[in-house]
Amino acid sequence: MQQAGGVDSGYAWSRLGIGLVLSTLGGIGMWSIVVALPVVQADFAVSRAEISFAYTTTMLGFCAGGVCMGWLVDTRGITPAVILSGLLLALGFGSAGFAPSVGWFAAAQGALIGFGSAATFAPLVADTSHWFEKRRGFAVAICASGNYLAGTIWPPLIELAMRDHGWRNTYIGAGALCLLTMLPLAMALRRPPPFHADELNGVPAAAPRRSVGLSPNALQWLIAAAGLACCVAMSMPQVHIVAYCADLGYGVARGAEMLSLMLGFGVISRITSGWIADRVGGVATLLLGSVLQTVALIFYTVSDSLTSLYIISALFGLFQGGLVPSYAMIVREYFPPREAGLRVGIAMSSTIIGMALGGWIGGVLFDMTGSYRAAWLNGIAWNVANAAIGWWLLARQGRRTAVA
């Protein structure tokens, strides 16, 4: 009989709910810069590429934080990581709000906001994966949806707050919110994951479910390459849709609405992909999402009317939302549970590097060409590379299953 506080228990589901709230709160660290980008650019009187670099530092900080916080979760548990996250976000938003220059702003975004918010994504997903077996894909997808819920909730609220109070006061208020909400919630996650108790009782950890015949490090690097490629492509609409709408004359508010719509449909996609992953596995889910994301990016290259951009943004969210959680599922299928925090952190941090690189490249290509068309095409090329890796892994996995 399943213990009351063990795998797939009622406690596991309540813990997932807390994790989802924390992921949504901490996600403000990623999405605030996307909405503030054109406003901060005007305030500091810098180029699109320069302000896009501030987004890049945020994502690089998020990347480093995902690995470091993942290691912290493996060794100390999720609670210290979330407490540290809340403190860093409060300090980061406060520092950015008082920034005298774009360099200061970019440093605060990367070293504090990006690094701090990382604990509420990959480390929380890794922790959640320990508490579920039968519906692990579904649970992981729900937890990862907190990042997209943040993208749905925060952009219109941030845009409204900036309009009424300015971006600096909005940033300071965001820091206060993180401090007051995240620290108490972190204390509700103090119970260690079930596999720790099993190891203390002499029960060996479950072996990985799948194999593709590669060394653990080689497989980890291949997963990281796939994550980087898919998110260079993914970054184009997510990072630049607000600025794109402003350039087309539709205004920042319309772009923020499209971003919110995109990420709202991304929540549906993530949960659906979790259900799919429980049935066909992480690699097949990754390949499906990669092909569909390519289709959505092609749509962006052929239409720029206001109505079509709303429709395409919804489709993009619906097509690509399941990509990132599939990496967590792949890690749990191929690696032992005691390595989950670090390896999920590395896998998902590679997606953040992709977002950072893609966001910066988009700004550079815009400055070079005066439009976003080249940036859309660049995203499509990277997405083809991601799909190729997914296809290769799936084919190799199938061959080894047939031999076995």
Protein backbone atom coordinates (compact mmCIF):
# COMPACT_ATOMS: atom_id res chain seq x y z
CA MET A 1 0.00 0.00 0.00
CA GLN A 2 1.23 3.48 -0.86
CA GLN A 3 2.36 5.44 2.19
CA ALA A 4 0.41 8.61 2.94
CA GLY A 5 3.37 10.85 2.21
CA GLY A 6 5.08 8.83 -0.51
CA VAL A 7 5.16 8.54 -4.29
CA ASP A 8 1.86 9.32 -6.07
CA SER A 9 0.22 10.16 -2.72
CA GLY A 10 -2.12 12.98 -1.80
CA TYR A 11 0.84 14.75 -0.23
CA ALA A 12 2.72 14.51 -3.53
CA TRP A 13 -0.14 16.29 -5.31
CA SER A 14 -0.38 19.02 -2.65
CA ARG A 15 3.38 19.47 -2.89
CA LEU A 16 3.01 19.81 -6.66
CA GLY A 17 0.45 22.58 -6.09
CA ILE A 18 2.90 24.51 -3.91
CA GLY A 19 5.63 24.00 -6.48
CA LEU A 20 3.36 25.35 -9.21
CA VAL A 21 2.67 28.50 -7.19
CA LEU A 22 6.39 29.00 -6.50
CA SER A 23 7.26 28.47 -10.16
CA THR A 24 4.66 31.06 -11.16
CA LEU A 25 5.94 33.58 -8.63
CA GLY A 26 9.60 33.08 -9.48
CA GLY A 27 8.85 33.23 -13.20
CA ILE A 28 8.42 36.99 -12.94
CA GLY A 29 12.21 37.14 -13.03
CA MET A 30 12.25 35.80 -16.59
CA TRP A 31 9.27 37.61 -18.09
CA SER A 32 9.59 41.10 -16.61
CA ILE A 33 12.50 42.01 -18.90
CA VAL A 34 10.57 40.91 -22.00
CA VAL A 35 7.81 43.46 -21.36
CA ALA A 36 10.15 46.15 -20.03
CA LEU A 37 12.61 45.80 -22.92
CA PRO A 38 11.37 48.65 -25.18
CA VAL A 39 10.61 50.96 -22.23
CA VAL A 40 14.03 50.47 -20.63
CA GLN A 41 15.66 50.87 -24.07
CA ALA A 42 14.03 54.28 -24.43
CA ASP A 43 14.94 55.30 -20.88
CA PHE A 44 18.64 54.53 -21.36
CA ALA A 45 18.65 55.62 -25.04
CA VAL A 46 20.44 52.48 -26.28
CA SER A 47 20.11 50.23 -29.34
CA ARG A 48 17.90 47.16 -29.60
CA ALA A 49 20.96 44.91 -29.51
CA GLU A 50 22.25 46.59 -26.31
CA ILE A 51 19.00 46.18 -24.42
CA SER A 52 18.61 42.64 -25.81
CA PHE A 53 21.95 41.89 -24.13
CA ALA A 54 20.27 42.61 -20.78
CA TYR A 55 17.84 39.81 -21.62
CA THR A 56 20.82 37.65 -22.53
CA THR A 57 22.47 38.24 -19.14
CA THR A 58 19.18 37.29 -17.47
CA MET A 59 19.10 34.00 -19.31
CA LEU A 60 22.79 33.30 -18.67
CA GLY A 61 22.21 33.93 -14.97
CA PHE A 62 19.18 31.64 -15.15
CA CYS A 63 21.36 29.02 -16.82
CA ALA A 64 24.10 29.15 -14.17
CA GLY A 65 21.47 29.20 -11.45
CA GLY A 66 19.75 26.12 -12.84
CA VAL A 67 22.95 24.06 -12.58
CA CYS A 68 24.04 25.42 -9.19
CA MET A 69 20.58 25.25 -7.67
CA GLY A 70 20.13 21.75 -9.11
CA TRP A 71 23.28 20.63 -7.31
CA LEU A 72 21.98 22.29 -4.14
CA VAL A 73 18.70 20.38 -4.44
CA ASP A 74 20.56 17.05 -4.85
CA THR A 75 22.65 17.73 -1.75
CA ARG A 76 20.48 19.87 0.55
CA GLY A 77 16.92 19.69 -0.75
CA ILE A 78 14.60 22.13 -2.46
CA THR A 79 13.82 24.40 0.52
CA PRO A 80 17.24 26.12 0.82
CA ALA A 81 17.24 26.67 -2.95
CA VAL A 82 13.83 28.39 -2.92
CA ILE A 83 14.74 30.56 0.08
CA LEU A 84 17.90 31.69 -1.70
CA SER A 85 15.82 32.34 -4.81
CA GLY A 86 13.43 34.66 -2.98
CA LEU A 87 16.27 36.64 -1.43
CA LEU A 88 18.14 37.05 -4.72
CA LEU A 89 15.02 38.11 -6.60
CA ALA A 90 14.21 40.77 -4.01
CA LEU A 91 17.75 42.13 -4.13
CA GLY A 92 17.91 41.90 -7.94
CA PHE A 93 14.67 43.73 -8.67
CA GLY A 94 15.61 46.41 -6.16
CA SER A 95 19.05 46.88 -7.72
CA ALA A 96 17.68 46.97 -11.26
CA GLY A 97 15.02 49.49 -10.24
CA PHE A 98 17.72 51.91 -9.10
CA ALA A 99 20.09 51.17 -12.02
CA PRO A 100 21.88 54.34 -13.26
CA SER A 101 22.98 52.72 -16.54
CA VAL A 102 22.13 49.88 -18.89
CA GLY A 103 25.30 48.05 -17.75
CA TRP A 104 24.15 48.12 -14.12
CA PHE A 105 20.69 47.02 -15.21
CA ALA A 106 22.08 44.10 -17.23
CA ALA A 107 24.29 43.01 -14.32
CA ALA A 108 21.36 43.02 -11.88
CA GLN A 109 19.25 41.09 -14.38
CA GLY A 110 21.87 38.39 -14.79
CA ALA A 111 23.69 37.96 -11.49
CA LEU A 112 20.65 38.38 -9.24
CA ILE A 113 17.29 38.14 -11.04
CA GLY A 114 18.24 35.46 -13.56
CA PHE A 115 20.28 33.38 -11.11
CA GLY A 116 17.66 33.69 -8.39
CA SER A 117 14.63 32.78 -10.47
CA ALA A 118 16.35 29.60 -11.70
CA ALA A 119 15.49 27.70 -8.51
CA THR A 120 11.79 27.95 -9.37
CA PHE A 121 12.16 26.11 -12.67
CA ALA A 122 14.47 23.12 -13.28
CA PRO A 123 15.22 22.38 -9.58
CA LEU A 124 11.50 22.40 -8.74
CA VAL A 125 10.79 20.17 -11.73
CA ALA A 126 13.51 17.72 -10.63
CA ASP A 127 12.15 17.66 -7.08
CA THR A 128 8.62 17.05 -8.38
CA SER A 129 9.80 14.12 -10.51
CA HIS A 130 10.82 12.22 -7.35
CA TRP A 131 7.27 12.26 -5.98
CA PHE A 132 5.54 10.61 -8.96
CA GLU A 133 5.94 7.35 -10.86
CA LYS A 134 2.73 6.47 -12.74
CA ARG A 135 2.00 10.06 -13.79
CA ARG A 136 5.49 11.52 -13.69
CA GLY A 137 5.26 13.14 -17.13
CA PHE A 138 1.93 14.74 -16.26
CA ALA A 139 3.22 16.03 -12.89
CA VAL A 140 6.49 17.34 -14.35
CA ALA A 141 4.55 19.15 -17.08
CA ILE A 142 2.24 20.78 -14.52
CA CYS A 143 5.21 22.00 -12.48
CA ALA A 144 6.98 23.28 -15.58
CA SER A 145 3.78 25.10 -16.54
CA GLY A 146 4.40 27.53 -13.70
CA ASN A 147 6.94 29.24 -15.91
CA TYR A 148 4.30 29.70 -18.61
CA LEU A 149 1.62 30.70 -16.13
CA ALA A 150 4.06 33.40 -15.08
CA GLY A 151 4.32 34.41 -18.72
CA THR A 152 0.55 34.54 -18.96
CA ILE A 153 -0.10 36.45 -15.74
CA TRP A 154 2.85 38.81 -15.38
CA PRO A 155 3.27 40.53 -18.80
CA PRO A 156 -0.10 42.37 -18.82
CA LEU A 157 0.23 43.20 -15.11
CA ILE A 158 3.78 44.48 -15.57
CA GLU A 159 2.77 46.51 -18.61
CA LEU A 160 -0.11 48.08 -16.65
CA ALA A 161 2.11 48.79 -13.63
CA MET A 162 4.80 50.35 -15.82
CA ARG A 163 2.22 52.54 -17.53
CA ASP A 164 0.85 53.80 -14.19
CA HIS A 165 3.98 53.83 -12.00
CA GLY A 166 7.03 53.55 -14.29
CA TRP A 167 9.29 50.60 -14.84
CA ARG A 168 11.55 51.38 -11.88
CA ASN A 169 8.77 51.34 -9.28
CA THR A 170 7.33 48.23 -10.93
CA TYR A 171 10.64 46.42 -10.52
CA ILE A 172 10.95 47.41 -6.86
CA GLY A 173 7.41 46.19 -6.20
CA ALA A 174 8.16 42.86 -7.90
CA GLY A 175 11.11 42.32 -5.58
CA ALA A 176 8.99 42.97 -2.51
CA LEU A 177 6.35 40.52 -3.74
CA CYS A 178 8.92 37.73 -4.19
CA LEU A 179 10.37 38.26 -0.74
CA LEU A 180 7.01 38.22 1.04
CA THR A 181 5.54 35.18 -0.71
CA MET A 182 8.32 32.77 -1.64
CA LEU A 183 10.04 32.38 1.72
CA PRO A 184 6.95 31.12 3.60
CA LEU A 185 6.03 28.74 0.77
CA ALA A 186 9.54 27.28 0.72
CA MET A 187 9.09 26.00 4.28
CA ALA A 188 6.21 23.77 3.15
CA LEU A 189 8.63 21.69 1.00
CA ARG A 190 11.01 20.54 3.74
CA ARG A 191 10.20 16.81 3.53
CA PRO A 192 12.99 14.91 1.67
CA PRO A 193 12.11 12.96 -1.51
CA PRO A 194 11.06 9.29 -1.15
CA PHE A 195 14.18 7.78 -2.75
CA HIS A 196 16.30 9.20 0.11
CA ALA A 197 14.26 7.19 2.59
CA ASP A 198 14.53 4.08 0.41
CA GLU A 199 18.32 4.39 0.31
CA LEU A 200 18.48 4.78 4.10
CA ASN A 201 16.45 1.56 4.40
CA GLY A 202 18.78 -0.31 2.05
CA VAL A 203 16.43 -0.31 -0.95
CA PRO A 204 18.42 0.25 -4.17
CA ALA A 205 17.37 3.09 -6.44
CA ALA A 206 15.45 2.13 -9.56
CA ALA A 207 17.57 1.64 -12.69
CA PRO A 208 17.06 3.96 -15.69
CA ARG A 209 14.19 2.81 -17.90
CA ARG A 210 15.79 3.44 -21.30
CA SER A 211 19.15 3.39 -23.07
CA VAL A 212 20.60 4.59 -26.38
CA GLY A 213 24.05 3.07 -25.93
CA LEU A 214 25.89 6.31 -25.18
CA SER A 215 27.99 7.16 -22.14
CA PRO A 216 26.13 9.26 -19.55
CA ASN A 217 28.17 12.38 -20.31
CA ALA A 218 27.84 11.98 -24.08
CA LEU A 219 24.07 11.63 -23.73
CA GLN A 220 23.94 14.64 -21.41
CA TRP A 221 25.77 16.82 -23.93
CA LEU A 222 23.52 15.64 -26.76
CA ILE A 223 20.43 16.51 -24.72
CA ALA A 224 21.98 19.90 -23.98
CA ALA A 225 22.63 20.52 -27.68
CA ALA A 226 19.01 19.70 -28.49
CA GLY A 227 17.80 22.05 -25.75
CA LEU A 228 19.98 24.89 -26.99
CA ALA A 229 18.81 24.50 -30.59
CA CYS A 230 15.10 24.36 -29.86
CA CYS A 231 15.20 27.42 -27.64
CA VAL A 232 17.22 29.61 -30.01
CA ALA A 233 14.18 29.09 -32.23
CA MET A 234 11.68 29.47 -29.39
CA SER A 235 13.19 32.75 -28.24
CA MET A 236 12.23 34.71 -31.35
CA PRO A 237 8.50 35.08 -30.62
CA GLN A 238 8.87 34.97 -26.83
CA VAL A 239 11.61 37.61 -26.56
CA HIS A 240 10.77 39.92 -29.44
CA ILE A 241 7.00 39.77 -29.93
CA VAL A 242 6.44 42.90 -27.79
CA ALA A 243 9.11 44.89 -29.62
CA TYR A 244 7.93 43.47 -32.96
CA CYS A 245 4.40 44.74 -32.35
CA ALA A 246 5.75 48.14 -31.31
CA ASP A 247 7.78 48.34 -34.54
CA LEU A 248 4.71 47.44 -36.62
CA GLY A 249 2.75 50.24 -34.96
CA TYR A 250 0.44 48.00 -32.94
CA GLY A 251 1.87 49.11 -29.59
CA VAL A 252 3.53 47.49 -26.57
CA ALA A 253 0.20 46.56 -24.99
CA ARG A 254 -0.81 44.42 -28.00
CA GLY A 255 2.55 42.66 -27.91
CA ALA A 256 2.16 41.94 -24.18
CA GLU A 257 -1.29 40.49 -24.89
CA MET A 258 0.15 38.24 -27.60
CA LEU A 259 2.90 37.05 -25.25
CA SER A 260 0.31 36.30 -22.59
CA LEU A 261 -1.83 34.45 -25.14
CA MET A 262 1.19 32.52 -26.40
CA LEU A 263 2.18 31.36 -22.95
CA GLY A 264 -1.39 30.67 -21.87
CA PHE A 265 -1.77 28.21 -24.74
CA GLY A 266 1.71 26.96 -23.80
CA VAL A 267 0.29 25.81 -20.47
CA ILE A 268 -2.26 23.67 -22.33
CA SER A 269 0.53 22.32 -24.51
CA ARG A 270 2.77 21.48 -21.56
CA ILE A 271 0.09 19.56 -19.69
CA THR A 272 -0.94 17.70 -22.83
CA SER A 273 2.68 16.85 -23.59
CA GLY A 274 3.08 15.40 -20.10
CA TRP A 275 0.14 13.10 -20.74
CA ILE A 276 1.71 12.11 -24.06
CA ALA A 277 5.16 11.57 -22.50
CA ASP A 278 3.72 9.11 -19.96
CA ARG A 279 2.62 7.00 -22.94
CA VAL A 280 5.28 7.37 -25.63
CA GLY A 281 8.32 8.66 -23.72
CA GLY A 282 10.25 11.90 -23.59
CA VAL A 283 12.14 11.63 -26.89
CA ALA A 284 9.05 11.04 -29.03
CA THR A 285 7.32 13.94 -27.27
CA LEU A 286 10.34 16.14 -27.99
CA LEU A 287 10.31 15.27 -31.70
CA LEU A 288 6.58 15.98 -32.02
CA GLY A 289 6.93 19.39 -30.37
CA SER A 290 9.96 20.26 -32.49
CA VAL A 291 8.17 19.60 -35.78
CA LEU A 292 5.12 21.61 -34.71
CA GLN A 293 7.25 24.54 -33.51
CA THR A 294 8.89 24.71 -36.95
CA VAL A 295 5.45 24.97 -38.54
CA ALA A 296 4.50 27.89 -36.28
CA LEU A 297 7.73 29.77 -37.03
CA ILE A 298 7.05 29.44 -40.76
CA PHE A 299 3.68 31.12 -40.17
CA TYR A 300 5.44 34.14 -38.63
CA THR A 301 7.43 34.66 -41.82
CA VAL A 302 4.38 34.98 -44.09
CA SER A 303 2.00 37.26 -42.16
CA ASP A 304 2.25 40.32 -39.91
CA SER A 305 -1.32 41.65 -39.65
CA LEU A 306 -2.64 42.21 -36.14
CA THR A 307 -5.28 39.48 -36.31
CA SER A 308 -2.91 36.93 -37.83
CA LEU A 309 -0.26 37.65 -35.18
CA TYR A 310 -2.77 36.91 -32.42
CA ILE A 311 -3.70 33.63 -34.11
CA ILE A 312 -0.10 32.63 -34.84
CA SER A 313 0.99 33.46 -31.29
CA ALA A 314 -1.74 31.20 -29.91
CA LEU A 315 -0.68 28.41 -32.28
CA PHE A 316 2.98 28.88 -31.39
CA GLY A 317 2.16 28.46 -27.70
CA LEU A 318 0.03 25.40 -28.42
CA PHE A 319 2.75 23.81 -30.56
CA GLN A 320 5.92 24.43 -28.55
CA GLY A 321 4.89 24.33 -24.88
CA GLY A 322 5.79 20.68 -24.38
CA LEU A 323 9.38 20.91 -25.60
CA VAL A 324 11.15 21.99 -22.41
CA PRO A 325 9.45 19.55 -19.97
CA SER A 326 10.33 16.69 -22.32
CA TYR A 327 14.01 17.19 -21.44
CA ALA A 328 13.24 16.55 -17.77
CA MET A 329 11.41 13.36 -18.74
CA ILE A 330 14.33 12.25 -20.92
CA VAL A 331 16.75 12.76 -18.02
CA ARG A 332 14.57 10.75 -15.63
CA GLU A 333 14.28 7.95 -18.20
CA TYR A 334 18.04 7.69 -18.82
CA PHE A 335 19.68 8.68 -15.49
CA PRO A 336 19.37 7.59 -11.82
CA PRO A 337 17.23 9.69 -9.41
CA ARG A 338 20.12 10.83 -7.21
CA GLU A 339 21.50 12.77 -10.22
CA ALA A 340 18.18 14.33 -11.24
CA GLY A 341 18.69 17.81 -9.81
CA LEU A 342 22.03 18.44 -11.49
CA ARG A 343 21.23 16.70 -14.78
CA VAL A 344 17.79 18.26 -15.18
CA GLY A 345 19.44 21.55 -14.28
CA ILE A 346 22.04 21.09 -17.04
CA ALA A 347 19.42 20.01 -19.58
CA MET A 348 17.05 22.88 -18.88
CA SER A 349 19.88 25.38 -18.51
CA SER A 350 20.90 24.53 -22.06
CA THR A 351 17.43 25.67 -23.13
CA ILE A 352 18.03 28.94 -21.28
CA ILE A 353 21.34 29.42 -23.12
CA GLY A 354 19.35 28.92 -26.29
CA MET A 355 16.83 31.56 -25.22
CA ALA A 356 19.66 33.95 -24.33
CA LEU A 357 21.55 33.36 -27.57
CA GLY A 358 18.43 33.50 -29.68
CA GLY A 359 17.17 36.66 -28.00
CA TRP A 360 20.50 38.39 -28.63
CA ILE A 361 20.78 37.13 -32.23
CA GLY A 362 17.27 38.40 -32.90
CA GLY A 363 18.25 41.88 -31.78
CA VAL A 364 21.46 41.81 -33.83
CA LEU A 365 19.68 40.63 -36.99
CA PHE A 366 17.04 43.31 -36.52
CA ASP A 367 19.72 46.01 -36.22
CA MET A 368 21.48 44.65 -39.33
CA THR A 369 18.41 44.31 -41.57
CA GLY A 370 15.81 46.66 -40.10
CA SER A 371 13.25 43.84 -39.84
CA TYR A 372 12.67 40.51 -38.10
CA ARG A 373 12.39 38.33 -41.23
CA ALA A 374 16.01 37.14 -41.07
CA ALA A 375 15.54 36.36 -37.38
CA TRP A 376 12.51 34.15 -38.09
CA LEU A 377 14.50 32.24 -40.72
CA ASN A 378 17.40 31.84 -38.29
CA GLY A 379 15.00 30.31 -35.76
CA ILE A 380 13.68 27.83 -38.30
CA ALA A 381 17.21 26.63 -39.11
CA TRP A 382 18.00 25.99 -35.44
CA ASN A 383 14.71 24.14 -35.02
CA VAL A 384 15.58 21.77 -37.86
CA ALA A 385 18.78 20.88 -35.97
CA ASN A 386 16.76 20.11 -32.84
CA ALA A 387 14.37 17.86 -34.76
CA ALA A 388 17.34 15.99 -36.27
CA ILE A 389 18.73 15.21 -32.79
CA GLY A 390 15.30 14.05 -31.59
CA TRP A 391 14.88 11.80 -34.63
CA TRP A 392 18.36 10.29 -34.16
CA LEU A 393 17.75 9.54 -30.46
CA LEU A 394 14.37 7.99 -31.18
CA ALA A 395 15.77 5.82 -33.97
CA ARG A 396 18.70 4.66 -31.82
CA GLN A 397 16.41 3.95 -28.89
CA GLY A 398 14.16 1.90 -31.16
CA ARG A 399 17.07 -0.16 -32.52
CA ARG A 400 18.33 -1.01 -29.02
CA THR A 401 14.82 -1.97 -27.91
CA ALA A 402 14.51 -4.28 -30.93
CA VAL A 403 17.91 -5.92 -30.18
CA ALA A 404 17.01 -6.36 -26.52
